[in-house]
Every structure is written in C-alpha cells, then in structure tokens.
C-alpha cells in the first residue's frame, strides 16, 4: 500500500522545500504539546508561514503527522545504503548498517519519541503504510545479517527477531536520552549495547574476520570474554 500526501502545489522541489519547513515544526510541537492539542495554526506560526500556505502542501494535520513519522524511515532509506556504498565485507556491512541506523535515531530523537507517543493518532491507512515502510527499512539490516550467516560468519538465528532487537536498542537511545547522555556517549552506547548483541553471535571465523576488518577494539573485547 502506498499513500501519497497530496499537495495543491505541483512543483516537486517547492513541495519538498516547504515540507522541510513544516515537518520539523510539526515534530517539535507534537512532542511538546501532543498531536491533539496542536493546531495547524500553531505549526504554521512555528514554521513562520501562514496557515493558508500550509494547506497548499498538506490536506490536514493528520498528513503532517504522517510526514513527521515517516521522516526517520525516509532518512534511513537514504543513509543506510549511502553508508554501505563500496563496502563489500559482510561483517563490516552489518556493522556499518547498524551504526548508520543508530546515528539516524540520535539525529532524530524527537521524531523517535513522537513515533512511540502518537502512532496511535494516525489514520488506519497511514498506520499500514508506516508499518510497511518500517519493514522495508528493517530489511536493510536483516539482509546484512543474512549475508553474514550465508558466509559462515554468524550462527543461524531468527533474523527478524535479531533485527528488531537491534532496532529497539537504537530507539532506546532516543527514548532514554534524558538519562543515558549523562552516563555514556553515543559511541560507547553503540559499541557496548548494540554491536555487542550481534558480535556475540559471530562464529570463530566471523570473529576473526571482524577483528581484521574493525581492528583492535573487538580483539580486546573477545580476549576479555574468553
């Protein structure tokens, strides 16, 4: 299922530019006040445009919520493939994909919070589209896991379950950032809380390959665990 948010304006570049003004404003206000208490006028004021102009680019407030919640998914669909460009080693591809995903979550913490708080406010059709888009994004990580398994670098696992484990851990950085930022850094969190999950599933061959591709830090962790 695909839903295209309709716009009266037909110029795609102008639509993209205006929505890039509206969506951040919507995310901030929806997080601060909640979806139901925020009006289109509030969003227009925050974006420094008129309410009438907003309606040229979206039909209503639900469209803005949908665009806000799909922002992270669309960003991942761009950032993860871009980060994997030229990377051929399966273990390094998995590490790179996970790190790219986690950093997108960090860069869009308000949008992550909004997703957990306000997904229920989406229309039924919007919810189904968002679920489908989430599965597409998860596939960018799960395909890397599958490649590692086929190459003999990782034990056979429930790929989708492992993918969701990694995804939820990435979300947790944004959801609990208010406290985590005081006790660890993003780099440390990715290394010890996210990468460690799949690294523990590597075969001896995979551990050796990982140590060769990523260097001493993994060797030190493996040595400490033995």
C-alpha atoms as a PDB file:
ATOM      1  CA  UNK A   1       0.000   0.000   0.000  1.00  0.00           C
ATOM      2  CA  UNK A   2       1.255   3.443  -0.865  1.00  0.00           C
ATOM      3  CA  UNK A   3      -0.190   6.770   0.196  1.00  0.00           C
ATOM      4  CA  UNK A   4       0.913   9.958  -1.450  1.00  0.00           C
ATOM      5  CA  UNK A   5       0.308  13.075   0.612  1.00  0.00           C
ATOM      6  CA  UNK A   6      -1.450  15.333  -1.843  1.00  0.00           C
ATOM      7  CA  UNK A   7      -0.400  18.911  -2.491  1.00  0.00           C
ATOM      8  CA  UNK A   8      -2.107  21.684  -4.403  1.00  0.00           C
ATOM      9  CA  UNK A   9       1.332  22.864  -5.479  1.00  0.00           C
ATOM     10  CA  UNK A  10       2.674  20.711  -8.305  1.00  0.00           C
ATOM     11  CA  UNK A  11       6.342  21.725  -8.311  1.00  0.00           C
ATOM     12  CA  UNK A  12       8.088  18.813  -6.500  1.00  0.00           C
ATOM     13  CA  UNK A  13      11.103  20.896  -5.482  1.00  0.00           C
ATOM     14  CA  UNK A  14       8.909  23.558  -3.948  1.00  0.00           C
ATOM     15  CA  UNK A  15       6.811  20.928  -2.192  1.00  0.00           C
ATOM     16  CA  UNK A  16       9.940  19.319  -0.731  1.00  0.00           C
ATOM     17  CA  UNK A  17      11.302  22.672   0.388  1.00  0.00           C
ATOM     18  CA  UNK A  18       8.096  23.806   2.066  1.00  0.00           C
ATOM     19  CA  UNK A  19       7.551  20.458   3.772  1.00  0.00           C
ATOM     20  CA  UNK A  20      11.124  20.607   5.066  1.00  0.00           C
ATOM     21  CA  UNK A  21       9.966  23.745   6.922  1.00  0.00           C
ATOM     22  CA  UNK A  22       6.693  22.295   8.140  1.00  0.00           C
ATOM     23  CA  UNK A  23       7.759  18.822   9.276  1.00  0.00           C
ATOM     24  CA  UNK A  24      10.427  19.887  11.834  1.00  0.00           C
ATOM     25  CA  UNK A  25       7.995  22.418  13.278  1.00  0.00           C
ATOM     26  CA  UNK A  26       5.284  19.767  13.483  1.00  0.00           C
ATOM     27  CA  UNK A  27       7.624  17.274  15.178  1.00  0.00           C
ATOM     28  CA  UNK A  28       8.659  19.800  17.806  1.00  0.00           C
ATOM     29  CA  UNK A  29       5.118  20.905  18.610  1.00  0.00           C
ATOM     30  CA  UNK A  30       3.600  17.433  18.534  1.00  0.00           C
ATOM     31  CA  UNK A  31       6.274  16.320  21.022  1.00  0.00           C
ATOM     32  CA  UNK A  32       5.796  19.319  23.272  1.00  0.00           C
ATOM     33  CA  UNK A  33       2.004  19.654  23.226  1.00  0.00           C
ATOM     34  CA  UNK A  34       0.760  16.385  21.801  1.00  0.00           C
ATOM     35  CA  UNK A  35      -0.932  15.822  18.466  1.00  0.00           C
ATOM     36  CA  UNK A  36      -4.477  16.658  19.548  1.00  0.00           C
ATOM     37  CA  UNK A  37      -3.589  19.918  21.314  1.00  0.00           C
ATOM     38  CA  UNK A  38      -1.512  21.231  18.422  1.00  0.00           C
ATOM     39  CA  UNK A  39      -3.262  23.121  15.622  1.00  0.00           C
ATOM     40  CA  UNK A  40      -2.270  23.792  12.041  1.00  0.00           C
ATOM     41  CA  UNK A  41      -2.040  27.466  13.003  1.00  0.00           C
ATOM     42  CA  UNK A  42       0.470  26.572  15.724  1.00  0.00           C
ATOM     43  CA  UNK A  43       2.614  24.701  13.210  1.00  0.00           C
ATOM     44  CA  UNK A  44       2.343  27.499  10.663  1.00  0.00           C
ATOM     45  CA  UNK A  45       3.432  30.026  13.277  1.00  0.00           C
ATOM     46  CA  UNK A  46       6.414  27.888  14.307  1.00  0.00           C
ATOM     47  CA  UNK A  47       7.404  27.427  10.656  1.00  0.00           C
ATOM     48  CA  UNK A  48       6.930  31.164  10.031  1.00  0.00           C
ATOM     49  CA  UNK A  49       4.372  30.706   7.279  1.00  0.00           C
ATOM     50  CA  UNK A  50       0.635  31.335   7.037  1.00  0.00           C
ATOM     51  CA  UNK A  51      -1.914  28.669   7.856  1.00  0.00           C
ATOM     52  CA  UNK A  52      -3.310  29.082   4.359  1.00  0.00           C
ATOM     53  CA  UNK A  53       0.070  28.206   2.886  1.00  0.00           C
ATOM     54  CA  UNK A  54       0.211  25.005   4.955  1.00  0.00           C
ATOM     55  CA  UNK A  55      -2.978  23.767   3.325  1.00  0.00           C
ATOM     56  CA  UNK A  56      -1.383  24.131  -0.087  1.00  0.00           C
ATOM     57  CA  UNK A  57       1.088  21.375   0.826  1.00  0.00           C
ATOM     58  CA  UNK A  58      -0.949  19.034   3.043  1.00  0.00           C
ATOM     59  CA  UNK A  59      -4.640  18.300   3.429  1.00  0.00           C
ATOM     60  CA  UNK A  60      -4.809  18.386   7.217  1.00  0.00           C
ATOM     61  CA  UNK A  61      -2.977  17.820  10.498  1.00  0.00           C
ATOM     62  CA  UNK A  62      -3.002  14.047  10.022  1.00  0.00           C
ATOM     63  CA  UNK A  63      -0.945  14.469   6.872  1.00  0.00           C
ATOM     64  CA  UNK A  64       1.624  16.440   8.846  1.00  0.00           C
ATOM     65  CA  UNK A  65       1.787  13.723  11.495  1.00  0.00           C
ATOM     66  CA  UNK A  66       2.243  11.090   8.800  1.00  0.00           C
ATOM     67  CA  UNK A  67       5.049  13.080   7.175  1.00  0.00           C
ATOM     68  CA  UNK A  68       6.662  13.577  10.581  1.00  0.00           C
ATOM     69  CA  UNK A  69       6.598   9.874  11.428  1.00  0.00           C
ATOM     70  CA  UNK A  70       7.843   8.767   8.017  1.00  0.00           C
ATOM     71  CA  UNK A  71      10.714  11.264   8.153  1.00  0.00           C
ATOM     72  CA  UNK A  72      13.002   8.846  10.028  1.00  0.00           C
ATOM     73  CA  UNK A  73      12.128   5.957   7.731  1.00  0.00           C
ATOM     74  CA  UNK A  74      12.866   8.001   4.637  1.00  0.00           C
ATOM     75  CA  UNK A  75      16.137   9.178   6.166  1.00  0.00           C
ATOM     76  CA  UNK A  76      17.199   5.601   6.898  1.00  0.00           C
ATOM     77  CA  UNK A  77      16.339   4.571   3.358  1.00  0.00           C
ATOM     78  CA  UNK A  78      18.862   7.162   2.194  1.00  0.00           C
ATOM     79  CA  UNK A  79      21.540   6.998   4.877  1.00  0.00           C
ATOM     80  CA  UNK A  80      21.979   3.234   5.247  1.00  0.00           C
ATOM     81  CA  UNK A  81      22.510   2.473   1.515  1.00  0.00           C
ATOM     82  CA  UNK A  82      24.790   5.514   1.260  1.00  0.00           C
ATOM     83  CA  UNK A  83      26.896   4.264   4.176  1.00  0.00           C
ATOM     84  CA  UNK A  84      27.182   0.798   2.575  1.00  0.00           C
ATOM     85  CA  UNK A  85      28.368   2.087  -0.766  1.00  0.00           C
ATOM     86  CA  UNK A  86      31.693   0.441  -1.602  1.00  0.00           C
ATOM     87  CA  UNK A  87      31.595  -1.824   1.497  1.00  0.00           C
ATOM     88  CA  UNK A  88      31.712  -5.476   0.415  1.00  0.00           C
ATOM     89  CA  UNK A  89      32.752  -7.427   3.514  1.00  0.00           C
ATOM     90  CA  UNK A  90      29.571  -8.933   5.095  1.00  0.00           C
ATOM     91  CA  UNK A  91      30.628  -8.329   8.697  1.00  0.00           C
ATOM     92  CA  UNK A  92      31.676  -4.766   8.019  1.00  0.00           C
ATOM     93  CA  UNK A  93      28.448  -4.151   6.088  1.00  0.00           C
ATOM     94  CA  UNK A  94      26.387  -5.294   9.067  1.00  0.00           C
ATOM     95  CA  UNK A  95      28.368  -3.142  11.479  1.00  0.00           C
ATOM     96  CA  UNK A  96      28.089  -0.150   9.156  1.00  0.00           C
ATOM     97  CA  UNK A  97      24.336  -0.553   8.585  1.00  0.00           C
ATOM     98  CA  UNK A  98      23.603  -0.796  12.304  1.00  0.00           C
ATOM     99  CA  UNK A  99      25.753   2.216  13.114  1.00  0.00           C
ATOM    100  CA  UNK A 100      24.095   4.282  10.386  1.00  0.00           C
ATOM    101  CA  UNK A 101      20.659   3.329  11.722  1.00  0.00           C
ATOM    102  CA  UNK A 102      21.606   4.213  15.309  1.00  0.00           C
ATOM    103  CA  UNK A 103      23.003   7.585  14.288  1.00  0.00           C
ATOM    104  CA  UNK A 104      19.837   8.446  12.374  1.00  0.00           C
ATOM    105  CA  UNK A 105      17.906   7.710  15.592  1.00  0.00           C
ATOM    106  CA  UNK A 106      20.216  10.021  17.511  1.00  0.00           C
ATOM    107  CA  UNK A 107      19.851  12.813  14.954  1.00  0.00           C
ATOM    108  CA  UNK A 108      16.054  12.497  15.078  1.00  0.00           C
ATOM    109  CA  UNK A 109      15.369  11.868  18.755  1.00  0.00           C
ATOM    110  CA  UNK A 110      12.210  13.999  18.834  1.00  0.00           C
ATOM    111  CA  UNK A 111      10.785  12.089  15.887  1.00  0.00           C
ATOM    112  CA  UNK A 112      11.516   8.765  17.625  1.00  0.00           C
ATOM    113  CA  UNK A 113       9.663   9.951  20.725  1.00  0.00           C
ATOM    114  CA  UNK A 114       6.809  11.147  18.561  1.00  0.00           C
ATOM    115  CA  UNK A 115       6.555   7.770  16.840  1.00  0.00           C
ATOM    116  CA  UNK A 116       6.077   5.975  20.144  1.00  0.00           C
ATOM    117  CA  UNK A 117       3.654   8.568  21.501  1.00  0.00           C
ATOM    118  CA  UNK A 118       1.466   9.388  18.525  1.00  0.00           C
ATOM    119  CA  UNK A 119       1.413   6.458  16.084  1.00  0.00           C
ATOM    120  CA  UNK A 120      -1.998   5.686  17.517  1.00  0.00           C
ATOM    121  CA  UNK A 121      -3.242   9.029  16.190  1.00  0.00           C
ATOM    122  CA  UNK A 122      -2.550   8.120  12.558  1.00  0.00           C
ATOM    123  CA  UNK A 123      -5.391   7.124  10.290  1.00  0.00           C
ATOM    124  CA  UNK A 124      -5.765   3.410   9.653  1.00  0.00           C
ATOM    125  CA  UNK A 125      -4.299   3.668   6.154  1.00  0.00           C
ATOM    126  CA  UNK A 126      -1.382   5.749   7.364  1.00  0.00           C
ATOM    127  CA  UNK A 127      -0.619   3.155  10.058  1.00  0.00           C
ATOM    128  CA  UNK A 128      -0.470   0.383   7.480  1.00  0.00           C
ATOM    129  CA  UNK A 129       1.860   2.382   5.252  1.00  0.00           C
ATOM    130  CA  UNK A 130       4.131   3.210   8.183  1.00  0.00           C
ATOM    131  CA  UNK A 131       4.318  -0.479   9.137  1.00  0.00           C
ATOM    132  CA  UNK A 132       5.210  -1.409   5.574  1.00  0.00           C
ATOM    133  CA  UNK A 133       7.900   1.260   5.433  1.00  0.00           C
ATOM    134  CA  UNK A 134       9.326   0.045   8.739  1.00  0.00           C
ATOM    135  CA  UNK A 135       9.652  -3.484   7.364  1.00  0.00           C
ATOM    136  CA  UNK A 136      11.443  -2.129   4.287  1.00  0.00           C
ATOM    137  CA  UNK A 137      13.911  -0.259   6.468  1.00  0.00           C
ATOM    138  CA  UNK A 138      14.481  -3.268   8.718  1.00  0.00           C
ATOM    139  CA  UNK A 139      15.283  -5.305   5.619  1.00  0.00           C
ATOM    140  CA  UNK A 140      18.340  -3.097   5.065  1.00  0.00           C
ATOM    141  CA  UNK A 141      19.736  -4.550   8.304  1.00  0.00           C
ATOM    142  CA  UNK A 142      18.317  -8.075   8.087  1.00  0.00           C
ATOM    143  CA  UNK A 143      19.781  -8.595   4.620  1.00  0.00           C
ATOM    144  CA  UNK A 144      23.232  -7.847   6.087  1.00  0.00           C
ATOM    145  CA  UNK A 145      22.596 -10.417   8.843  1.00  0.00           C
ATOM    146  CA  UNK A 146      21.568 -12.985   6.238  1.00  0.00           C
ATOM    147  CA  UNK A 147      24.762 -12.324   4.272  1.00  0.00           C
ATOM    148  CA  UNK A 148      26.840 -12.953   7.407  1.00  0.00           C
ATOM    149  CA  UNK A 149      25.033 -16.228   8.061  1.00  0.00           C
ATOM    150  CA  UNK A 150      25.478 -17.431   4.472  1.00  0.00           C
ATOM    151  CA  UNK A 151      29.179 -16.601   4.608  1.00  0.00           C
ATOM    152  CA  UNK A 152      29.581 -18.648   7.799  1.00  0.00           C
ATOM    153  CA  UNK A 153      30.429 -15.575   9.861  1.00  0.00           C
ATOM    154  CA  UNK A 154      27.360 -15.733  12.102  1.00  0.00           C
ATOM    155  CA  UNK A 155      25.411 -18.505  13.777  1.00  0.00           C
ATOM    156  CA  UNK A 156      21.987 -19.299  12.397  1.00  0.00           C
ATOM    157  CA  UNK A 157      19.454 -17.112  14.184  1.00  0.00           C
ATOM    158  CA  UNK A 158      15.939 -15.793  13.834  1.00  0.00           C
ATOM    159  CA  UNK A 159      16.934 -12.930  11.540  1.00  0.00           C
ATOM    160  CA  UNK A 160      13.845 -10.793  12.002  1.00  0.00           C
ATOM    161  CA  UNK A 161      13.933 -11.161  15.781  1.00  0.00           C
ATOM    162  CA  UNK A 162      17.600 -10.145  15.903  1.00  0.00           C
ATOM    163  CA  UNK A 163      16.867  -7.207  13.626  1.00  0.00           C
ATOM    164  CA  UNK A 164      14.137  -5.956  15.951  1.00  0.00           C
ATOM    165  CA  UNK A 165      16.426  -6.396  18.933  1.00  0.00           C
ATOM    166  CA  UNK A 166      18.982  -4.101  17.292  1.00  0.00           C
ATOM    167  CA  UNK A 167      16.312  -1.640  16.152  1.00  0.00           C
ATOM    168  CA  UNK A 168      14.729  -1.349  19.598  1.00  0.00           C
ATOM    169  CA  UNK A 169      18.119  -0.829  21.236  1.00  0.00           C
ATOM    170  CA  UNK A 170      18.745   2.004  18.785  1.00  0.00           C
ATOM    171  CA  UNK A 171      15.365   3.513  19.638  1.00  0.00           C
ATOM    172  CA  UNK A 172      16.150   3.247  23.348  1.00  0.00           C
ATOM    173  CA  UNK A 173      18.995   5.747  22.971  1.00  0.00           C
ATOM    174  CA  UNK A 174      16.469   8.350  21.848  1.00  0.00           C
ATOM    175  CA  UNK A 175      13.730   7.327  24.276  1.00  0.00           C
ATOM    176  CA  UNK A 176      16.002   7.435  27.331  1.00  0.00           C
ATOM    177  CA  UNK A 177      18.434  10.059  26.130  1.00  0.00           C
ATOM    178  CA  UNK A 178      17.465  12.325  29.024  1.00  0.00           C
ATOM    179  CA  UNK A 179      19.413   9.940  31.303  1.00  0.00           C
ATOM    180  CA  UNK A 180      21.749   7.997  29.024  1.00  0.00           C
ATOM    181  CA  UNK A 181      23.540  11.151  27.897  1.00  0.00           C
ATOM    182  CA  UNK A 182      24.748  11.600  31.482  1.00  0.00           C
ATOM    183  CA  UNK A 183      26.197   8.105  31.830  1.00  0.00           C
ATOM    184  CA  UNK A 184      27.598   7.247  28.406  1.00  0.00           C
ATOM    185  CA  UNK A 185      28.363   8.598  24.952  1.00  0.00           C
ATOM    186  CA  UNK A 186      26.645   7.623  21.738  1.00  0.00           C
ATOM    187  CA  UNK A 187      29.799   5.857  20.528  1.00  0.00           C
ATOM    188  CA  UNK A 188      30.040   3.840  23.745  1.00  0.00           C
ATOM    189  CA  UNK A 189      26.337   3.011  23.651  1.00  0.00           C
ATOM    190  CA  UNK A 190      26.549   1.736  20.075  1.00  0.00           C
ATOM    191  CA  UNK A 191      29.638  -0.327  20.895  1.00  0.00           C
ATOM    192  CA  UNK A 192      28.574  -1.891  24.187  1.00  0.00           C
ATOM    193  CA  UNK A 193      24.778  -2.022  23.906  1.00  0.00           C
ATOM    194  CA  UNK A 194      24.113  -2.564  20.208  1.00  0.00           C
ATOM    195  CA  UNK A 195      27.160  -4.012  18.460  1.00  0.00           C
ATOM    196  CA  UNK A 196      27.811  -6.431  21.336  1.00  0.00           C
ATOM    197  CA  UNK A 197      24.479  -8.151  20.682  1.00  0.00           C
ATOM    198  CA  UNK A 198      25.313  -9.364  17.189  1.00  0.00           C
ATOM    199  CA  UNK A 199      29.058  -9.693  17.823  1.00  0.00           C
ATOM    200  CA  UNK A 200      28.271 -12.382  20.410  1.00  0.00           C
ATOM    201  CA  UNK A 201      26.582 -14.384  17.643  1.00  0.00           C
ATOM    202  CA  UNK A 202      29.630 -14.447  15.380  1.00  0.00           C
ATOM    203  CA  UNK A 203      31.292 -17.774  14.668  1.00  0.00           C
ATOM    204  CA  UNK A 204      35.060 -18.139  15.294  1.00  0.00           C
ATOM    205  CA  UNK A 205      35.510 -17.433  11.591  1.00  0.00           C
ATOM    206  CA  UNK A 206      33.298 -14.355  11.927  1.00  0.00           C
ATOM    207  CA  UNK A 207      35.169 -13.089  14.985  1.00  0.00           C
ATOM    208  CA  UNK A 208      38.441 -13.382  13.156  1.00  0.00           C
ATOM    209  CA  UNK A 209      37.019 -11.578  10.167  1.00  0.00           C
ATOM    210  CA  UNK A 210      35.538  -8.862  12.359  1.00  0.00           C
ATOM    211  CA  UNK A 211      38.830  -8.329  14.160  1.00  0.00           C
ATOM    212  CA  UNK A 212      40.577  -7.971  10.815  1.00  0.00           C
ATOM    213  CA  UNK A 213      38.018  -5.508   9.455  1.00  0.00           C
ATOM    214  CA  UNK A 214      37.426  -3.366  12.544  1.00  0.00           C
ATOM    215  CA  UNK A 215      40.706  -3.732  14.389  1.00  0.00           C
ATOM    216  CA  UNK A 216      41.815  -3.939  17.985  1.00  0.00           C
ATOM    217  CA  UNK A 217      38.664  -2.925  19.932  1.00  0.00           C
ATOM    218  CA  UNK A 218      36.875  -6.161  19.076  1.00  0.00           C
ATOM    219  CA  UNK A 219      40.016  -8.223  19.746  1.00  0.00           C
ATOM    220  CA  UNK A 220      40.183  -6.690  23.212  1.00  0.00           C
ATOM    221  CA  UNK A 221      36.533  -7.430  23.946  1.00  0.00           C
ATOM    222  CA  UNK A 222      36.852 -11.017  22.703  1.00  0.00           C
ATOM    223  CA  UNK A 223      40.030 -11.548  24.722  1.00  0.00           C
ATOM    224  CA  UNK A 224      38.365 -10.192  27.844  1.00  0.00           C
ATOM    225  CA  UNK A 225      35.388 -12.519  27.362  1.00  0.00           C
ATOM    226  CA  UNK A 226      37.484 -15.687  26.943  1.00  0.00           C
END
